[in-house]
């Protein structure tokens, strides 16, 4: 049985979370939506550390990022589908 590389918590999410060590650019990830146990494939666009986020669709500067079905911040730089989403391109809206 193949283990997932990426978990998506809610069907509304536009980012998922890497759940394996050593994910490298070009890896075809098995992505599982935990809400309903569906899955899909997505290619990693960069080396992405465990616990970090991946864009599930192209995200533009100013877009709202949704994780766990909730607004977790806004993009301050664009990220293509499969790209690393972290502090370099995502900021909280709180300050």
Foldseek 3Di string as FASTA:
>chain_A
DDDFQWEAADPPFQKTFGADAFDAAQDFTWYAHVVVRDTDTFGAHGGEGGGWIFGQAWFAFQDFGAGNNDGAFTFNHIDHHNYTDDPVTTDGPPD
